């Protein structure tokens, strides 16, 4: 496609989710990249403009993160208006945002996920701690960017962690900690890009490590054997497709230490509208595959679709 084929492009970013600041960062960079390449692109913040103004555009690049932008909501609006958009469709976006339902589908498909328990205010926290073991992680089911996540290391602390997660979502998950390393695979079209190993300096890869700190280490090559990486990239692509993902995205997974199960991988979550900031993982993986940032943005836009 040529830049003229894209027509007038709305870059959707900002929004009203807890990830608004990250989205503003992502979207401004995407917009600048498109404009540098001659695309007729303009900013569109759904929290500041009426959605019917989208009718003036031919295509949409979704750089929204979190609720109302990554959960199928804005995708449904664009479907109704007949405007092709980047990333996954309504159902896959909703499933990708919901960590519990993602796990259910992966389990049904034979893909491994960390052992977990759903929590509510009446849960027997001591029993859950004993069942999953410590440390464990507690997270809202439908938030991103590690918002509301806690690492529980001491017996008796699960209740406090639950209360923090419940501020962000009524559905809360307690999940067994898998401590052999955190990895991610970017998806672009029909390909899984090189795996990145994430090595935060803090307790885990939290919001600060993702966006604010400069001491988080990203390893690409990731240190796995060529054969093992090929297997895991294929599994990540399968995990993405099981949820109905299309266009582009990111699949996160954890590895057990080699002494515990031979370094088995456990799928954690899918991101259907990944970050595009200077700290973001998809641009890193693309760069490792020989795809510069501006080219990546154009490729993602070219994959925009309906249905």
C-alpha atoms as a PDB file:
ATOM      1  CA  UNK A   1       0.000   0.000   0.000  1.00  0.00           C
ATOM      2  CA  UNK A   2       1.057   3.603  -0.550  1.00  0.00           C
ATOM      3  CA  UNK A   3       0.491   6.286   2.066  1.00  0.00           C
ATOM      4  CA  UNK A   4      -2.345   7.677  -0.067  1.00  0.00           C
ATOM      5  CA  UNK A   5      -4.149   4.328   0.121  1.00  0.00           C
ATOM      6  CA  UNK A   6      -4.590   4.780   3.865  1.00  0.00           C
ATOM      7  CA  UNK A   7      -6.726   7.866   3.401  1.00  0.00           C
ATOM      8  CA  UNK A   8      -7.361  10.023   6.463  1.00  0.00           C
ATOM      9  CA  UNK A   9      -6.202   8.169   9.567  1.00  0.00           C
ATOM     10  CA  UNK A  10      -7.387   8.733  13.129  1.00  0.00           C
ATOM     11  CA  UNK A  11      -4.778   7.855  15.748  1.00  0.00           C
ATOM     12  CA  UNK A  12      -6.846   7.030  18.815  1.00  0.00           C
ATOM     13  CA  UNK A  13      -5.031   7.657  22.073  1.00  0.00           C
ATOM     14  CA  UNK A  14      -5.589   9.079  25.529  1.00  0.00           C
ATOM     15  CA  UNK A  15      -8.993   7.816  26.574  1.00  0.00           C
ATOM     16  CA  UNK A  16     -10.235   7.512  30.143  1.00  0.00           C
ATOM     17  CA  UNK A  17      -8.679   4.297  31.434  1.00  0.00           C
ATOM     18  CA  UNK A  18      -6.109   3.942  34.199  1.00  0.00           C
ATOM     19  CA  UNK A  19      -3.521   3.679  31.403  1.00  0.00           C
ATOM     20  CA  UNK A  20      -4.281   7.089  29.908  1.00  0.00           C
ATOM     21  CA  UNK A  21      -0.781   8.496  30.434  1.00  0.00           C
ATOM     22  CA  UNK A  22       0.858   5.503  28.760  1.00  0.00           C
ATOM     23  CA  UNK A  23      -1.592   5.778  25.867  1.00  0.00           C
ATOM     24  CA  UNK A  24      -0.791   9.474  25.397  1.00  0.00           C
ATOM     25  CA  UNK A  25       2.876   8.537  25.137  1.00  0.00           C
ATOM     26  CA  UNK A  26       2.242   5.677  22.696  1.00  0.00           C
ATOM     27  CA  UNK A  27      -0.179   7.589  20.523  1.00  0.00           C
ATOM     28  CA  UNK A  28       1.912  10.720  20.188  1.00  0.00           C
ATOM     29  CA  UNK A  29       4.832   8.616  18.952  1.00  0.00           C
ATOM     30  CA  UNK A  30       2.670   6.684  16.507  1.00  0.00           C
ATOM     31  CA  UNK A  31       1.144   9.899  15.186  1.00  0.00           C
ATOM     32  CA  UNK A  32       4.572  11.458  14.671  1.00  0.00           C
ATOM     33  CA  UNK A  33       5.817   8.336  12.861  1.00  0.00           C
ATOM     34  CA  UNK A  34       2.848   8.346  10.482  1.00  0.00           C
ATOM     35  CA  UNK A  35       3.144  12.041   9.750  1.00  0.00           C
ATOM     36  CA  UNK A  36       6.893  11.697   9.125  1.00  0.00           C
ATOM     37  CA  UNK A  37       6.042   9.251   6.353  1.00  0.00           C
ATOM     38  CA  UNK A  38       3.431  11.431   4.728  1.00  0.00           C
ATOM     39  CA  UNK A  39       0.304   9.725   6.077  1.00  0.00           C
ATOM     40  CA  UNK A  40      -2.664  12.067   6.530  1.00  0.00           C
ATOM     41  CA  UNK A  41      -3.000  11.277  10.235  1.00  0.00           C
ATOM     42  CA  UNK A  42      -4.580  13.240  13.064  1.00  0.00           C
ATOM     43  CA  UNK A  43      -4.918  12.776  16.819  1.00  0.00           C
ATOM     44  CA  UNK A  44      -8.249  11.616  18.228  1.00  0.00           C
ATOM     45  CA  UNK A  45      -8.805  11.407  21.991  1.00  0.00           C
ATOM     46  CA  UNK A  46     -12.163   9.680  22.672  1.00  0.00           C
ATOM     47  CA  UNK A  47     -12.375  11.291  26.096  1.00  0.00           C
ATOM     48  CA  UNK A  48     -12.322  14.752  24.543  1.00  0.00           C
ATOM     49  CA  UNK A  49     -14.208  14.333  21.253  1.00  0.00           C
ATOM     50  CA  UNK A  50     -17.554  12.889  20.229  1.00  0.00           C
ATOM     51  CA  UNK A  51     -17.256   9.469  18.648  1.00  0.00           C
ATOM     52  CA  UNK A  52     -19.423  10.431  15.683  1.00  0.00           C
ATOM     53  CA  UNK A  53     -16.543  12.671  14.564  1.00  0.00           C
ATOM     54  CA  UNK A  54     -14.739   9.468  13.586  1.00  0.00           C
ATOM     55  CA  UNK A  55     -16.951   9.393  10.499  1.00  0.00           C
ATOM     56  CA  UNK A  56     -14.521  11.873   8.912  1.00  0.00           C
ATOM     57  CA  UNK A  57     -11.766   9.218   8.870  1.00  0.00           C
ATOM     58  CA  UNK A  58     -11.033   6.304   6.562  1.00  0.00           C
ATOM     59  CA  UNK A  59      -8.959   4.196   8.944  1.00  0.00           C
ATOM     60  CA  UNK A  60      -8.064   4.097  12.644  1.00  0.00           C
ATOM     61  CA  UNK A  61      -4.831   3.273  14.426  1.00  0.00           C
ATOM     62  CA  UNK A  62      -5.772   2.255  17.979  1.00  0.00           C
ATOM     63  CA  UNK A  63      -3.135   3.337  20.483  1.00  0.00           C
ATOM     64  CA  UNK A  64      -5.541   3.214  23.411  1.00  0.00           C
ATOM     65  CA  UNK A  65      -4.665   0.980  26.359  1.00  0.00           C
ATOM     66  CA  UNK A  66      -6.916  -0.504  29.002  1.00  0.00           C
ATOM     67  CA  UNK A  67     -10.660  -0.200  29.406  1.00  0.00           C
ATOM     68  CA  UNK A  68     -12.793   1.277  26.619  1.00  0.00           C
ATOM     69  CA  UNK A  69      -9.878   1.131  24.183  1.00  0.00           C
ATOM     70  CA  UNK A  70      -8.440  -2.344  24.401  1.00  0.00           C
ATOM     71  CA  UNK A  71     -11.429  -4.361  25.626  1.00  0.00           C
ATOM     72  CA  UNK A  72     -13.573  -4.447  22.486  1.00  0.00           C
ATOM     73  CA  UNK A  73     -15.512  -1.268  23.260  1.00  0.00           C
ATOM     74  CA  UNK A  74     -13.947   1.125  20.737  1.00  0.00           C
ATOM     75  CA  UNK A  75     -13.573  -1.790  18.312  1.00  0.00           C
ATOM     76  CA  UNK A  76     -17.362  -2.209  18.391  1.00  0.00           C
ATOM     77  CA  UNK A  77     -17.866   1.480  17.644  1.00  0.00           C
ATOM     78  CA  UNK A  78     -15.537   1.284  14.655  1.00  0.00           C
ATOM     79  CA  UNK A  79     -17.253  -1.871  13.408  1.00  0.00           C
ATOM     80  CA  UNK A  80     -20.623  -0.134  13.480  1.00  0.00           C
ATOM     81  CA  UNK A  81     -19.189   2.858  11.627  1.00  0.00           C
ATOM     82  CA  UNK A  82     -17.446   0.685   9.031  1.00  0.00           C
ATOM     83  CA  UNK A  83     -13.982   2.108   9.742  1.00  0.00           C
ATOM     84  CA  UNK A  84     -11.098  -0.407   9.462  1.00  0.00           C
ATOM     85  CA  UNK A  85      -8.950  -0.403  12.588  1.00  0.00           C
ATOM     86  CA  UNK A  86      -5.680  -1.857  13.780  1.00  0.00           C
ATOM     87  CA  UNK A  87      -5.402  -4.845  16.076  1.00  0.00           C
ATOM     88  CA  UNK A  88      -7.842  -7.523  17.091  1.00  0.00           C
ATOM     89  CA  UNK A  89     -11.607  -7.525  16.668  1.00  0.00           C
ATOM     90  CA  UNK A  90     -14.304  -7.100  19.297  1.00  0.00           C
ATOM     91  CA  UNK A  91     -14.290 -10.607  20.747  1.00  0.00           C
ATOM     92  CA  UNK A  92     -10.526 -11.121  20.776  1.00  0.00           C
ATOM     93  CA  UNK A  93      -9.993  -7.691  22.314  1.00  0.00           C
ATOM     94  CA  UNK A  94     -12.481  -8.439  25.087  1.00  0.00           C
ATOM     95  CA  UNK A  95     -10.952 -11.847  25.756  1.00  0.00           C
ATOM     96  CA  UNK A  96      -7.403 -10.514  25.700  1.00  0.00           C
ATOM     97  CA  UNK A  97      -8.303  -7.894  28.301  1.00  0.00           C
ATOM     98  CA  UNK A  98      -9.818 -10.534  30.589  1.00  0.00           C
ATOM     99  CA  UNK A  99      -7.004 -12.572  32.143  1.00  0.00           C
ATOM    100  CA  UNK A 100      -9.373 -15.153  33.647  1.00  0.00           C
ATOM    101  CA  UNK A 101     -11.248 -15.955  30.445  1.00  0.00           C
ATOM    102  CA  UNK A 102      -7.978 -16.026  28.513  1.00  0.00           C
ATOM    103  CA  UNK A 103      -6.768 -18.686  30.935  1.00  0.00           C
ATOM    104  CA  UNK A 104      -9.954 -20.717  30.491  1.00  0.00           C
ATOM    105  CA  UNK A 105      -9.551 -20.791  26.719  1.00  0.00           C
ATOM    106  CA  UNK A 106      -5.865 -21.636  26.913  1.00  0.00           C
ATOM    107  CA  UNK A 107      -6.523 -24.434  29.382  1.00  0.00           C
ATOM    108  CA  UNK A 108      -9.224 -25.840  27.095  1.00  0.00           C
ATOM    109  CA  UNK A 109      -6.726 -25.722  24.215  1.00  0.00           C
ATOM    110  CA  UNK A 110      -4.014 -27.528  26.164  1.00  0.00           C
ATOM    111  CA  UNK A 111      -1.785 -24.486  26.660  1.00  0.00           C
ATOM    112  CA  UNK A 112      -0.196 -24.251  30.132  1.00  0.00           C
ATOM    113  CA  UNK A 113      -1.085 -21.395  32.505  1.00  0.00           C
ATOM    114  CA  UNK A 114       0.021 -20.760  36.089  1.00  0.00           C
ATOM    115  CA  UNK A 115      -2.173 -22.324  38.758  1.00  0.00           C
ATOM    116  CA  UNK A 116      -4.642 -19.711  39.995  1.00  0.00           C
ATOM    117  CA  UNK A 117      -7.662 -19.037  42.214  1.00  0.00           C
ATOM    118  CA  UNK A 118     -10.391 -16.406  41.799  1.00  0.00           C
ATOM    119  CA  UNK A 119     -10.782 -14.234  44.883  1.00  0.00           C
ATOM    120  CA  UNK A 120     -13.609 -12.282  46.440  1.00  0.00           C
ATOM    121  CA  UNK A 121     -14.137 -10.614  49.813  1.00  0.00           C
ATOM    122  CA  UNK A 122     -15.324 -13.911  51.333  1.00  0.00           C
ATOM    123  CA  UNK A 123     -12.353 -15.997  50.162  1.00  0.00           C
ATOM    124  CA  UNK A 124     -10.415 -18.043  52.702  1.00  0.00           C
ATOM    125  CA  UNK A 125      -7.134 -16.208  52.156  1.00  0.00           C
ATOM    126  CA  UNK A 126      -5.107 -18.523  54.392  1.00  0.00           C
ATOM    127  CA  UNK A 127      -6.333 -21.541  52.430  1.00  0.00           C
ATOM    128  CA  UNK A 128      -5.443 -19.895  49.112  1.00  0.00           C
ATOM    129  CA  UNK A 129      -1.947 -19.059  50.389  1.00  0.00           C
ATOM    130  CA  UNK A 130      -1.469 -22.683  51.409  1.00  0.00           C
ATOM    131  CA  UNK A 131      -2.901 -24.017  48.154  1.00  0.00           C
ATOM    132  CA  UNK A 132      -0.841 -21.858  45.778  1.00  0.00           C
ATOM    133  CA  UNK A 133       2.201 -21.464  47.964  1.00  0.00           C
ATOM    134  CA  UNK A 134       4.254 -18.327  48.525  1.00  0.00           C
ATOM    135  CA  UNK A 135       5.220 -16.136  46.889  1.00  0.00           C
ATOM    136  CA  UNK A 136       2.157 -15.556  44.739  1.00  0.00           C
ATOM    137  CA  UNK A 137       0.775 -12.697  42.680  1.00  0.00           C
ATOM    138  CA  UNK A 138      -2.587 -10.965  43.019  1.00  0.00           C
ATOM    139  CA  UNK A 139      -3.974  -8.981  40.115  1.00  0.00           C
ATOM    140  CA  UNK A 140      -7.164  -7.402  38.757  1.00  0.00           C
ATOM    141  CA  UNK A 141      -8.436  -9.588  35.912  1.00  0.00           C
ATOM    142  CA  UNK A 142      -9.114  -6.714  33.524  1.00  0.00           C
ATOM    143  CA  UNK A 143      -6.362  -4.148  33.942  1.00  0.00           C
ATOM    144  CA  UNK A 144      -3.066  -3.721  32.127  1.00  0.00           C
ATOM    145  CA  UNK A 145       0.355  -2.172  32.733  1.00  0.00           C
ATOM    146  CA  UNK A 146       0.611  -4.123  36.023  1.00  0.00           C
ATOM    147  CA  UNK A 147      -1.889  -1.740  37.643  1.00  0.00           C
ATOM    148  CA  UNK A 148      -3.158  -3.113  40.972  1.00  0.00           C
ATOM    149  CA  UNK A 149      -0.746  -6.082  41.036  1.00  0.00           C
ATOM    150  CA  UNK A 150       0.929  -7.167  44.287  1.00  0.00           C
ATOM    151  CA  UNK A 151       3.482  -9.828  45.122  1.00  0.00           C
ATOM    152  CA  UNK A 152       2.554 -11.664  48.311  1.00  0.00           C
ATOM    153  CA  UNK A 153       5.624 -13.029  50.084  1.00  0.00           C
ATOM    154  CA  UNK A 154       4.463 -13.481  53.678  1.00  0.00           C
ATOM    155  CA  UNK A 155       1.586 -15.513  55.090  1.00  0.00           C
ATOM    156  CA  UNK A 156      -1.335 -13.340  56.091  1.00  0.00           C
ATOM    157  CA  UNK A 157      -0.737 -10.625  53.469  1.00  0.00           C
ATOM    158  CA  UNK A 158      -3.114 -11.940  50.804  1.00  0.00           C
ATOM    159  CA  UNK A 159      -6.095 -10.020  52.170  1.00  0.00           C
ATOM    160  CA  UNK A 160      -4.307  -6.678  51.798  1.00  0.00           C
ATOM    161  CA  UNK A 161      -3.226  -7.550  48.265  1.00  0.00           C
ATOM    162  CA  UNK A 162      -6.790  -8.542  47.391  1.00  0.00           C
ATOM    163  CA  UNK A 163      -8.126  -5.206  48.674  1.00  0.00           C
ATOM    164  CA  UNK A 164      -5.644  -3.315  46.484  1.00  0.00           C
ATOM    165  CA  UNK A 165      -6.550  -5.289  43.355  1.00  0.00           C
ATOM    166  CA  UNK A 166     -10.278  -4.979  44.085  1.00  0.00           C
ATOM    167  CA  UNK A 167      -9.976  -1.185  43.833  1.00  0.00           C
ATOM    168  CA  UNK A 168      -9.477  -1.696  40.102  1.00  0.00           C
ATOM    169  CA  UNK A 169     -11.741  -4.636  39.276  1.00  0.00           C
ATOM    170  CA  UNK A 170     -14.415  -6.791  40.904  1.00  0.00           C
ATOM    171  CA  UNK A 171     -12.731  -9.874  39.442  1.00  0.00           C
ATOM    172  CA  UNK A 172      -9.410 -10.622  41.174  1.00  0.00           C
ATOM    173  CA  UNK A 173      -6.970 -13.462  40.532  1.00  0.00           C
ATOM    174  CA  UNK A 174      -4.388 -15.018  42.845  1.00  0.00           C
ATOM    175  CA  UNK A 175      -1.712 -16.768  40.783  1.00  0.00           C
ATOM    176  CA  UNK A 176       1.177 -19.053  41.675  1.00  0.00           C
ATOM    177  CA  UNK A 177       4.514 -17.317  41.168  1.00  0.00           C
ATOM    178  CA  UNK A 178       6.616 -18.772  38.363  1.00  0.00           C
ATOM    179  CA  UNK A 179      10.143 -17.594  39.056  1.00  0.00           C
ATOM    180  CA  UNK A 180      12.320 -18.798  36.200  1.00  0.00           C
ATOM    181  CA  UNK A 181      12.040 -15.591  34.177  1.00  0.00           C
ATOM    182  CA  UNK A 182       9.525 -13.383  32.364  1.00  0.00           C
ATOM    183  CA  UNK A 183       9.446 -13.343  28.571  1.00  0.00           C
ATOM    184  CA  UNK A 184       7.372 -11.776  25.835  1.00  0.00           C
ATOM    185  CA  UNK A 185       6.773 -12.425  22.155  1.00  0.00           C
ATOM    186  CA  UNK A 186       5.476  -9.750  19.806  1.00  0.00           C
ATOM    187  CA  UNK A 187       3.082 -10.789  17.044  1.00  0.00           C
ATOM    188  CA  UNK A 188       3.085  -8.980  13.699  1.00  0.00           C
ATOM    189  CA  UNK A 189       0.753 -10.368  11.065  1.00  0.00           C
ATOM    190  CA  UNK A 190       1.374 -14.107  10.853  1.00  0.00           C
ATOM    191  CA  UNK A 191       4.796 -14.002  12.505  1.00  0.00           C
ATOM    192  CA  UNK A 192       6.040 -14.176  16.079  1.00  0.00           C
ATOM    193  CA  UNK A 193       9.003 -11.843  16.474  1.00  0.00           C
ATOM    194  CA  UNK A 194      12.170 -12.585  18.514  1.00  0.00           C
ATOM    195  CA  UNK A 195      11.516 -13.306  22.181  1.00  0.00           C
ATOM    196  CA  UNK A 196      12.594 -10.747  24.779  1.00  0.00           C
ATOM    197  CA  UNK A 197      13.561 -11.722  28.321  1.00  0.00           C
ATOM    198  CA  UNK A 198      12.623  -9.063  30.878  1.00  0.00           C
ATOM    199  CA  UNK A 199      14.832  -8.604  33.937  1.00  0.00           C
ATOM    200  CA  UNK A 200      13.441  -5.974  36.328  1.00  0.00           C
ATOM    201  CA  UNK A 201      15.612  -4.768  39.169  1.00  0.00           C
ATOM    202  CA  UNK A 202      12.694  -4.673  41.595  1.00  0.00           C
ATOM    203  CA  UNK A 203      10.388  -7.410  42.869  1.00  0.00           C
ATOM    204  CA  UNK A 204       8.650  -7.840  39.515  1.00  0.00           C
ATOM    205  CA  UNK A 205       7.891  -6.090  36.233  1.00  0.00           C
ATOM    206  CA  UNK A 206       5.556  -3.464  37.683  1.00  0.00           C
ATOM    207  CA  UNK A 207       4.333  -0.134  36.290  1.00  0.00           C
ATOM    208  CA  UNK A 208       7.452   1.697  37.442  1.00  0.00           C
ATOM    209  CA  UNK A 209       9.776  -0.891  35.870  1.00  0.00           C
ATOM    210  CA  UNK A 210       7.805  -0.737  32.622  1.00  0.00           C
ATOM    211  CA  UNK A 211       7.605   2.995  32.108  1.00  0.00           C
ATOM    212  CA  UNK A 212       9.638   5.001  34.616  1.00  0.00           C
ATOM    213  CA  UNK A 213      12.857   3.184  35.427  1.00  0.00           C
ATOM    214  CA  UNK A 214      15.873   2.921  33.168  1.00  0.00           C
ATOM    215  CA  UNK A 215      17.474  -0.059  34.915  1.00  0.00           C
ATOM    216  CA  UNK A 216      15.115  -2.768  33.642  1.00  0.00           C
ATOM    217  CA  UNK A 217      17.160  -5.107  31.433  1.00  0.00           C
ATOM    218  CA  UNK A 218      15.750  -6.466  28.173  1.00  0.00           C
ATOM    219  CA  UNK A 219      17.570  -9.451  26.665  1.00  0.00           C
ATOM    220  CA  UNK A 220      17.163 -10.083  22.955  1.00  0.00           C
ATOM    221  CA  UNK A 221      18.477 -12.629  22.080  1.00  0.00           C
ATOM    222  CA  UNK A 222      16.695 -13.961  25.130  1.00  0.00           C
ATOM    223  CA  UNK A 223      19.224 -16.662  26.063  1.00  0.00           C
ATOM    224  CA  UNK A 224      17.103 -19.680  25.110  1.00  0.00           C
ATOM    225  CA  UNK A 225      18.377 -22.184  22.584  1.00  0.00           C
ATOM    226  CA  UNK A 226      17.403 -21.570  18.982  1.00  0.00           C
ATOM    227  CA  UNK A 227      15.209 -24.677  18.980  1.00  0.00           C
ATOM    228  CA  UNK A 228      13.474 -23.742  22.251  1.00  0.00           C
ATOM    229  CA  UNK A 229      12.828 -20.207  21.074  1.00  0.00           C
ATOM    230  CA  UNK A 230      11.328 -21.499  17.835  1.00  0.00           C
ATOM    231  CA  UNK A 231       8.986 -23.781  19.827  1.00  0.00           C
ATOM    232  CA  UNK A 232       7.896 -20.982  22.145  1.00  0.00           C
ATOM    233  CA  UNK A 233       7.317 -18.506  19.328  1.00  0.00           C
ATOM    234  CA  UNK A 234       5.042 -21.071  17.670  1.00  0.00           C
ATOM    235  CA  UNK A 235       3.191 -21.622  20.960  1.00  0.00           C
ATOM    236  CA  UNK A 236       2.809 -17.870  21.472  1.00  0.00           C
ATOM    237  CA  UNK A 237       1.307 -17.511  18.004  1.00  0.00           C
ATOM    238  CA  UNK A 238      -1.097 -20.342  18.832  1.00  0.00           C
ATOM    239  CA  UNK A 239      -2.052 -18.652  22.127  1.00  0.00           C
ATOM    240  CA  UNK A 240      -2.755 -15.434  20.228  1.00  0.00           C
ATOM    241  CA  UNK A 241      -4.879 -17.204  17.626  1.00  0.00           C
ATOM    242  CA  UNK A 242      -6.846 -19.216  20.197  1.00  0.00           C
ATOM    243  CA  UNK A 243      -8.230 -15.914  21.483  1.00  0.00           C
ATOM    244  CA  UNK A 244      -8.951 -14.780  17.922  1.00  0.00           C
ATOM    245  CA  UNK A 245      -6.107 -12.271  17.796  1.00  0.00           C
ATOM    246  CA  UNK A 246      -5.193 -10.630  14.503  1.00  0.00           C
ATOM    247  CA  UNK A 247      -2.954  -7.899  13.118  1.00  0.00           C
ATOM    248  CA  UNK A 248      -0.522  -7.405  15.931  1.00  0.00           C
ATOM    249  CA  UNK A 249      -0.187  -7.962  19.639  1.00  0.00           C
ATOM    250  CA  UNK A 250       2.043  -9.344  22.349  1.00  0.00           C
ATOM    251  CA  UNK A 251       1.999 -12.600  24.296  1.00  0.00           C
ATOM    252  CA  UNK A 252       3.613 -12.714  27.743  1.00  0.00           C
ATOM    253  CA  UNK A 253       4.756 -15.925  29.403  1.00  0.00           C
ATOM    254  CA  UNK A 254       6.756 -17.111  32.414  1.00  0.00           C
ATOM    255  CA  UNK A 255       9.326 -19.866  32.668  1.00  0.00           C
ATOM    256  CA  UNK A 256       9.960 -22.216  35.547  1.00  0.00           C
ATOM    257  CA  UNK A 257      13.554 -22.617  36.681  1.00  0.00           C
ATOM    258  CA  UNK A 258      15.193 -25.475  34.816  1.00  0.00           C
ATOM    259  CA  UNK A 259      15.310 -27.505  38.044  1.00  0.00           C
ATOM    260  CA  UNK A 260      11.517 -27.336  38.384  1.00  0.00           C
ATOM    261  CA  UNK A 261       9.918 -28.976  35.378  1.00  0.00           C
ATOM    262  CA  UNK A 262      12.731 -28.386  32.914  1.00  0.00           C
ATOM    263  CA  UNK A 263      12.000 -24.714  32.338  1.00  0.00           C
ATOM    264  CA  UNK A 264       8.380 -25.197  31.284  1.00  0.00           C
ATOM    265  CA  UNK A 265       6.629 -22.116  29.895  1.00  0.00           C
ATOM    266  CA  UNK A 266       3.308 -20.839  31.294  1.00  0.00           C
ATOM    267  CA  UNK A 267       1.229 -18.327  29.351  1.00  0.00           C
ATOM    268  CA  UNK A 268       0.291 -15.246  31.273  1.00  0.00           C
ATOM    269  CA  UNK A 269      -1.674 -12.820  29.114  1.00  0.00           C
ATOM    270  CA  UNK A 270      -2.165 -11.262  25.676  1.00  0.00           C
ATOM    271  CA  UNK A 271      -1.923  -7.571  24.937  1.00  0.00           C
ATOM    272  CA  UNK A 272      -4.005  -6.675  21.875  1.00  0.00           C
ATOM    273  CA  UNK A 273      -3.048  -2.972  21.833  1.00  0.00           C
ATOM    274  CA  UNK A 274       0.604  -2.994  22.885  1.00  0.00           C
ATOM    275  CA  UNK A 275       2.544   0.030  24.028  1.00  0.00           C
ATOM    276  CA  UNK A 276       4.547   2.017  21.486  1.00  0.00           C
ATOM    277  CA  UNK A 277       6.601   4.138  23.886  1.00  0.00           C
ATOM    278  CA  UNK A 278      10.387   4.337  24.075  1.00  0.00           C
ATOM    279  CA  UNK A 279      10.233   1.623  26.788  1.00  0.00           C
ATOM    280  CA  UNK A 280       7.809  -0.632  24.920  1.00  0.00           C
ATOM    281  CA  UNK A 281       8.496  -4.234  23.973  1.00  0.00           C
ATOM    282  CA  UNK A 282       6.988  -4.597  20.495  1.00  0.00           C
ATOM    283  CA  UNK A 283       9.256  -1.913  18.980  1.00  0.00           C
ATOM    284  CA  UNK A 284      12.232  -3.649  20.650  1.00  0.00           C
ATOM    285  CA  UNK A 285      11.304  -7.016  19.149  1.00  0.00           C
ATOM    286  CA  UNK A 286      10.666  -5.453  15.745  1.00  0.00           C
ATOM    287  CA  UNK A 287      14.041  -3.748  15.832  1.00  0.00           C
ATOM    288  CA  UNK A 288      15.670  -7.110  16.602  1.00  0.00           C
ATOM    289  CA  UNK A 289      13.919  -8.478  13.496  1.00  0.00           C
ATOM    290  CA  UNK A 290      15.243  -5.617  11.376  1.00  0.00           C
ATOM    291  CA  UNK A 291      12.054  -3.511  11.384  1.00  0.00           C
ATOM    292  CA  UNK A 292      12.519   0.141  12.382  1.00  0.00           C
ATOM    293  CA  UNK A 293       9.862   1.996  14.390  1.00  0.00           C
ATOM    294  CA  UNK A 294       8.405   3.965  11.475  1.00  0.00           C
ATOM    295  CA  UNK A 295       8.197   0.862   9.299  1.00  0.00           C
ATOM    296  CA  UNK A 296       6.538  -1.053  12.153  1.00  0.00           C
ATOM    297  CA  UNK A 297       3.850   1.616  12.479  1.00  0.00           C
ATOM    298  CA  UNK A 298       3.122   1.474   8.744  1.00  0.00           C
ATOM    299  CA  UNK A 299       2.955  -2.331   8.775  1.00  0.00           C
ATOM    300  CA  UNK A 300       0.497  -2.302  11.668  1.00  0.00           C
ATOM    301  CA  UNK A 301      -1.660   0.292   9.897  1.00  0.00           C
ATOM    302  CA  UNK A 302      -1.629  -1.761   6.687  1.00  0.00           C
ATOM    303  CA  UNK A 303      -3.146  -4.670   8.656  1.00  0.00           C
ATOM    304  CA  UNK A 304      -6.185  -2.610   9.728  1.00  0.00           C
ATOM    305  CA  UNK A 305      -9.424  -4.484   9.067  1.00  0.00           C
ATOM    306  CA  UNK A 306     -13.060  -4.975   9.961  1.00  0.00           C
ATOM    307  CA  UNK A 307     -14.809  -8.097  11.197  1.00  0.00           C
END
